């Protein structure tokens, strides 16, 4: 699993790529990805976020 720290703005991108929020044993919340492909897709969406074009699906 790949883990990164996050902020609330990134939650929309996380849901779009199929990642999840995990609580670590120390209480820290992190985004977690099943594989490197999900992680790469998450980062590829960042430029779209700044243009307001990222929308989570229902």
PDB file of N, CA and C in Angstrom:
ATOM      1  N   UNK A   1       0.836  -1.182   0.000  1.00  0.00           N
ATOM      2  CA  UNK A   1       0.000   0.000   0.000  1.00  0.00           C
ATOM      3  C   UNK A   1       0.883   1.248   0.000  1.00  0.00           C
ATOM      4  N   UNK A   2       0.396   2.290  -0.649  1.00  0.00           N
ATOM      5  CA  UNK A   2       1.090   3.577  -0.689  1.00  0.00           C
ATOM      6  C   UNK A   2       0.286   4.539   0.169  1.00  0.00           C
ATOM      7  N   UNK A   3       0.939   5.261   1.075  1.00  0.00           N
ATOM      8  CA  UNK A   3       0.269   6.186   1.971  1.00  0.00           C
ATOM      9  C   UNK A   3       0.849   7.586   1.807  1.00  0.00           C
ATOM     10  N   UNK A   4      -0.024   8.606   1.861  1.00  0.00           N
ATOM     11  CA  UNK A   4       0.432   9.993   1.858  1.00  0.00           C
ATOM     12  C   UNK A   4      -0.432  10.792   2.827  1.00  0.00           C
ATOM     13  N   UNK A   5       0.110  11.842   3.427  1.00  0.00           N
ATOM     14  CA  UNK A   5      -0.724  12.730   4.242  1.00  0.00           C
ATOM     15  C   UNK A   5      -1.642  13.521   3.312  1.00  0.00           C
ATOM     16  N   UNK A   6      -2.734  14.089   3.822  1.00  0.00           N
ATOM     17  CA  UNK A   6      -3.693  14.758   2.946  1.00  0.00           C
ATOM     18  C   UNK A   6      -4.310  15.980   3.582  1.00  0.00           C
ATOM     19  N   UNK A   7      -5.017  16.740   2.748  1.00  0.00           N
ATOM     20  CA  UNK A   7      -5.864  17.818   3.222  1.00  0.00           C
ATOM     21  C   UNK A   7      -7.259  17.614   2.632  1.00  0.00           C
ATOM     22  N   UNK A   8      -8.231  18.365   3.087  1.00  0.00           N
ATOM     23  CA  UNK A   8      -9.619  18.152   2.682  1.00  0.00           C
ATOM     24  C   UNK A   8      -9.845  18.384   1.192  1.00  0.00           C
ATOM     25  N   UNK A   9      -9.102  19.279   0.593  1.00  0.00           N
ATOM     26  CA  UNK A   9      -9.267  19.570  -0.832  1.00  0.00           C
ATOM     27  C   UNK A   9      -8.974  18.332  -1.673  1.00  0.00           C
ATOM     28  N   UNK A  10      -8.031  17.512  -1.227  1.00  0.00           N
ATOM     29  CA  UNK A  10      -7.627  16.331  -1.988  1.00  0.00           C
ATOM     30  C   UNK A  10      -8.602  15.159  -1.885  1.00  0.00           C
ATOM     31  N   UNK A  11      -9.568  15.220  -0.984  1.00  0.00           N
ATOM     32  CA  UNK A  11     -10.491  14.098  -0.806  1.00  0.00           C
ATOM     33  C   UNK A  11     -11.271  13.782  -2.077  1.00  0.00           C
ATOM     34  N   UNK A  12     -11.624  14.794  -2.839  1.00  0.00           N
ATOM     35  CA  UNK A  12     -12.372  14.584  -4.081  1.00  0.00           C
ATOM     36  C   UNK A  12     -11.548  13.762  -5.070  1.00  0.00           C
ATOM     37  N   UNK A  13     -10.267  14.122  -5.208  1.00  0.00           N
ATOM     38  CA  UNK A  13      -9.397  13.369  -6.116  1.00  0.00           C
ATOM     39  C   UNK A  13      -9.229  11.927  -5.637  1.00  0.00           C
ATOM     40  N   UNK A  14      -9.113  11.751  -4.338  1.00  0.00           N
ATOM     41  CA  UNK A  14      -8.957  10.407  -3.779  1.00  0.00           C
ATOM     42  C   UNK A  14     -10.136   9.523  -4.171  1.00  0.00           C
ATOM     43  N   UNK A  15     -11.342  10.036  -4.033  1.00  0.00           N
ATOM     44  CA  UNK A  15     -12.518   9.235  -4.368  1.00  0.00           C
ATOM     45  C   UNK A  15     -12.576   8.914  -5.855  1.00  0.00           C
ATOM     46  N   UNK A  16     -12.083   9.801  -6.684  1.00  0.00           N
ATOM     47  CA  UNK A  16     -12.112   9.578  -8.126  1.00  0.00           C
ATOM     48  C   UNK A  16     -11.208   8.430  -8.561  1.00  0.00           C
ATOM     49  N   UNK A  17     -10.107   8.201  -7.836  1.00  0.00           N
ATOM     50  CA  UNK A  17      -9.159   7.157  -8.238  1.00  0.00           C
ATOM     51  C   UNK A  17      -9.326   5.861  -7.443  1.00  0.00           C
ATOM     52  N   UNK A  18     -10.256   5.830  -6.499  1.00  0.00           N
ATOM     53  CA  UNK A  18     -10.516   4.603  -5.754  1.00  0.00           C
ATOM     54  C   UNK A  18      -9.665   4.415  -4.517  1.00  0.00           C
ATOM     55  N   UNK A  19      -9.026   5.483  -4.047  1.00  0.00           N
ATOM     56  CA  UNK A  19      -8.245   5.389  -2.814  1.00  0.00           C
ATOM     57  C   UNK A  19      -9.140   5.440  -1.591  1.00  0.00           C
ATOM     58  N   UNK A  20      -8.539   5.383  -0.417  1.00  0.00           N
ATOM     59  CA  UNK A  20      -9.310   5.425   0.822  1.00  0.00           C
ATOM     60  C   UNK A  20      -8.558   6.200   1.891  1.00  0.00           C
ATOM     61  N   UNK A  21      -9.292   6.655   2.890  1.00  0.00           N
ATOM     62  CA  UNK A  21      -8.694   7.317   4.046  1.00  0.00           C
ATOM     63  C   UNK A  21      -8.514   6.259   5.130  1.00  0.00           C
ATOM     64  N   UNK A  22      -7.325   6.215   5.713  1.00  0.00           N
ATOM     65  CA  UNK A  22      -6.990   5.231   6.742  1.00  0.00           C
ATOM     66  C   UNK A  22      -6.519   5.957   7.992  1.00  0.00           C
ATOM     67  N   UNK A  23      -6.866   5.413   9.162  1.00  0.00           N
ATOM     68  CA  UNK A  23      -6.365   5.929  10.440  1.00  0.00           C
ATOM     69  C   UNK A  23      -5.220   5.034  10.872  1.00  0.00           C
ATOM     70  N   UNK A  24      -4.031   5.618  10.993  1.00  0.00           N
ATOM     71  CA  UNK A  24      -2.853   4.852  11.406  1.00  0.00           C
ATOM     72  C   UNK A  24      -2.894   4.609  12.913  1.00  0.00           C
ATOM     73  N   UNK A  25      -2.046   3.738  13.394  1.00  0.00           N
ATOM     74  CA  UNK A  25      -2.024   3.388  14.821  1.00  0.00           C
ATOM     75  C   UNK A  25      -1.715   4.584  15.715  1.00  0.00           C
ATOM     76  N   UNK A  26      -1.020   5.602  15.163  1.00  0.00           N
ATOM     77  CA  UNK A  26      -0.714   6.800  15.948  1.00  0.00           C
ATOM     78  C   UNK A  26      -1.827   7.841  15.866  1.00  0.00           C
ATOM     79  N   UNK A  27      -2.936   7.501  15.180  1.00  0.00           N
ATOM     80  CA  UNK A  27      -4.084   8.398  15.072  1.00  0.00           C
ATOM     81  C   UNK A  27      -4.047   9.314  13.861  1.00  0.00           C
ATOM     82  N   UNK A  28      -2.969   9.284  13.089  1.00  0.00           N
ATOM     83  CA  UNK A  28      -2.850  10.143  11.910  1.00  0.00           C
ATOM     84  C   UNK A  28      -3.751   9.613  10.791  1.00  0.00           C
ATOM     85  N   UNK A  29      -4.431  10.534  10.094  1.00  0.00           N
ATOM     86  CA  UNK A  29      -5.232  10.176   8.939  1.00  0.00           C
ATOM     87  C   UNK A  29      -4.369  10.299   7.693  1.00  0.00           C
ATOM     88  N   UNK A  30      -4.398   9.287   6.836  1.00  0.00           N
ATOM     89  CA  UNK A  30      -3.623   9.305   5.597  1.00  0.00           C
ATOM     90  C   UNK A  30      -4.481   8.784   4.450  1.00  0.00           C
ATOM     91  N   UNK A  31      -4.142   9.212   3.241  1.00  0.00           N
ATOM     92  CA  UNK A  31      -4.740   8.623   2.043  1.00  0.00           C
ATOM     93  C   UNK A  31      -3.974   7.350   1.747  1.00  0.00           C
ATOM     94  N   UNK A  32      -4.690   6.325   1.323  1.00  0.00           N
ATOM     95  CA  UNK A  32      -4.045   5.055   1.030  1.00  0.00           C
ATOM     96  C   UNK A  32      -4.479   4.588  -0.356  1.00  0.00           C
ATOM     97  N   UNK A  33      -3.501   4.084  -1.110  1.00  0.00           N
ATOM     98  CA  UNK A  33      -3.728   3.616  -2.474  1.00  0.00           C
ATOM     99  C   UNK A  33      -3.353   2.150  -2.557  1.00  0.00           C
ATOM    100  N   UNK A  34      -4.084   1.390  -3.362  1.00  0.00           N
ATOM    101  CA  UNK A  34      -3.812  -0.040  -3.513  1.00  0.00           C
ATOM    102  C   UNK A  34      -2.574  -0.290  -4.349  1.00  0.00           C
ATOM    103  N   UNK A  35      -2.245   0.656  -5.235  1.00  0.00           N
ATOM    104  CA  UNK A  35      -1.105   0.449  -6.125  1.00  0.00           C
ATOM    105  C   UNK A  35      -0.563   1.783  -6.634  1.00  0.00           C
ATOM    106  N   UNK A  36       0.543   1.721  -7.307  1.00  0.00           N
ATOM    107  CA  UNK A  36       1.213   2.917  -7.835  1.00  0.00           C
ATOM    108  C   UNK A  36       0.361   3.596  -8.912  1.00  0.00           C
ATOM    109  N   UNK A  37      -0.411   2.824  -9.657  1.00  0.00           N
ATOM    110  CA  UNK A  37      -1.259   3.399 -10.704  1.00  0.00           C
ATOM    111  C   UNK A  37      -2.295   4.355 -10.105  1.00  0.00           C
ATOM    112  N   UNK A  38      -2.951   3.942  -9.011  1.00  0.00           N
ATOM    113  CA  UNK A  38      -3.905   4.829  -8.332  1.00  0.00           C
ATOM    114  C   UNK A  38      -3.208   6.099  -7.858  1.00  0.00           C
ATOM    115  N   UNK A  39      -2.039   5.939  -7.271  1.00  0.00           N
ATOM    116  CA  UNK A  39      -1.262   7.076  -6.776  1.00  0.00           C
ATOM    117  C   UNK A  39      -0.923   8.036  -7.912  1.00  0.00           C
ATOM    118  N   UNK A  40      -0.491   7.503  -9.055  1.00  0.00           N
ATOM    119  CA  UNK A  40      -0.149   8.338 -10.204  1.00  0.00           C
ATOM    120  C   UNK A  40      -1.377   9.057 -10.762  1.00  0.00           C
ATOM    121  N   UNK A  41      -2.518   8.369 -10.812  1.00  0.00           N
ATOM    122  CA  UNK A  41      -3.754   9.002 -11.287  1.00  0.00           C
ATOM    123  C   UNK A  41      -4.166  10.135 -10.351  1.00  0.00           C
ATOM    124  N   UNK A  42      -4.000   9.925  -9.050  1.00  0.00           N
ATOM    125  CA  UNK A  42      -4.308  10.949  -8.052  1.00  0.00           C
ATOM    126  C   UNK A  42      -3.502  12.222  -8.331  1.00  0.00           C
ATOM    127  N   UNK A  43      -2.205  12.063  -8.570  1.00  0.00           N
ATOM    128  CA  UNK A  43      -1.356  13.225  -8.843  1.00  0.00           C
ATOM    129  C   UNK A  43      -1.626  13.839 -10.208  1.00  0.00           C
ATOM    130  N   UNK A  44      -2.040  13.042 -11.173  1.00  0.00           N
ATOM    131  CA  UNK A  44      -2.352  13.572 -12.500  1.00  0.00           C
ATOM    132  C   UNK A  44      -3.578  14.480 -12.465  1.00  0.00           C
ATOM    133  N   UNK A  45      -4.465  14.287 -11.507  1.00  0.00           N
ATOM    134  CA  UNK A  45      -5.668  15.109 -11.399  1.00  0.00           C
ATOM    135  C   UNK A  45      -5.408  16.460 -10.744  1.00  0.00           C
ATOM    136  N   UNK A  46      -4.289  16.650 -10.110  1.00  0.00           N
ATOM    137  CA  UNK A  46      -4.021  17.890  -9.374  1.00  0.00           C
ATOM    138  C   UNK A  46      -4.105  19.146 -10.249  1.00  0.00           C
ATOM    139  N   UNK A  47      -3.543  19.151 -11.467  1.00  0.00           N
ATOM    140  CA  UNK A  47      -3.667  20.357 -12.294  1.00  0.00           C
ATOM    141  C   UNK A  47      -5.126  20.711 -12.602  1.00  0.00           C
ATOM    142  N   UNK A  48      -5.982  19.708 -12.758  1.00  0.00           N
ATOM    143  CA  UNK A  48      -7.397  19.971 -13.013  1.00  0.00           C
ATOM    144  C   UNK A  48      -8.069  20.617 -11.821  1.00  0.00           C
ATOM    145  N   UNK A  49      -7.660  20.207 -10.626  1.00  0.00           N
ATOM    146  CA  UNK A  49      -8.255  20.747  -9.405  1.00  0.00           C
ATOM    147  C   UNK A  49      -8.093  22.254  -9.354  1.00  0.00           C
ATOM    148  N   UNK A  50      -6.938  22.744  -9.726  1.00  0.00           N
ATOM    149  CA  UNK A  50      -6.677  24.176  -9.667  1.00  0.00           C
ATOM    150  C   UNK A  50      -7.546  24.954 -10.632  1.00  0.00           C
ATOM    151  N   UNK A  51      -8.030  24.311 -11.698  1.00  0.00           N
ATOM    152  CA  UNK A  51      -8.919  24.963 -12.640  1.00  0.00           C
ATOM    153  C   UNK A  51     -10.384  24.773 -12.311  1.00  0.00           C
ATOM    154  N   UNK A  52     -10.671  24.102 -11.209  1.00  0.00           N
ATOM    155  CA  UNK A  52     -12.048  23.883 -10.787  1.00  0.00           C
ATOM    156  C   UNK A  52     -12.790  22.850 -11.621  1.00  0.00           C
ATOM    157  N   UNK A  53     -12.074  21.987 -12.318  1.00  0.00           N
ATOM    158  CA  UNK A  53     -12.704  21.045 -13.234  1.00  0.00           C
ATOM    159  C   UNK A  53     -12.881  19.645 -12.642  1.00  0.00           C
ATOM    160  N   UNK A  54     -12.432  19.418 -11.419  1.00  0.00           N
ATOM    161  CA  UNK A  54     -12.549  18.089 -10.821  1.00  0.00           C
ATOM    162  C   UNK A  54     -13.846  18.001 -10.054  1.00  0.00           C
ATOM    163  N   UNK A  55     -14.671  16.988 -10.394  1.00  0.00           N
ATOM    164  CA  UNK A  55     -15.938  16.775  -9.708  1.00  0.00           C
ATOM    165  C   UNK A  55     -16.060  15.313  -9.364  1.00  0.00           C
ATOM    166  N   UNK A  56     -16.381  15.026  -8.113  1.00  0.00           N
ATOM    167  CA  UNK A  56     -16.542  13.632  -7.680  1.00  0.00           C
ATOM    168  C   UNK A  56     -17.816  13.068  -8.288  1.00  0.00           C
ATOM    169  N   UNK A  57     -17.750  11.806  -8.678  1.00  0.00           N
ATOM    170  CA  UNK A  57     -18.941  11.142  -9.224  1.00  0.00           C
ATOM    171  C   UNK A  57     -19.863  10.704  -8.105  1.00  0.00           C
ATOM    172  N   UNK A  58     -21.121  10.477  -8.449  1.00  0.00           N
ATOM    173  CA  UNK A  58     -22.096  10.026  -7.452  1.00  0.00           C
ATOM    174  C   UNK A  58     -22.137   8.534  -7.393  1.00  0.00           C
TER     175      UNK A  58
END
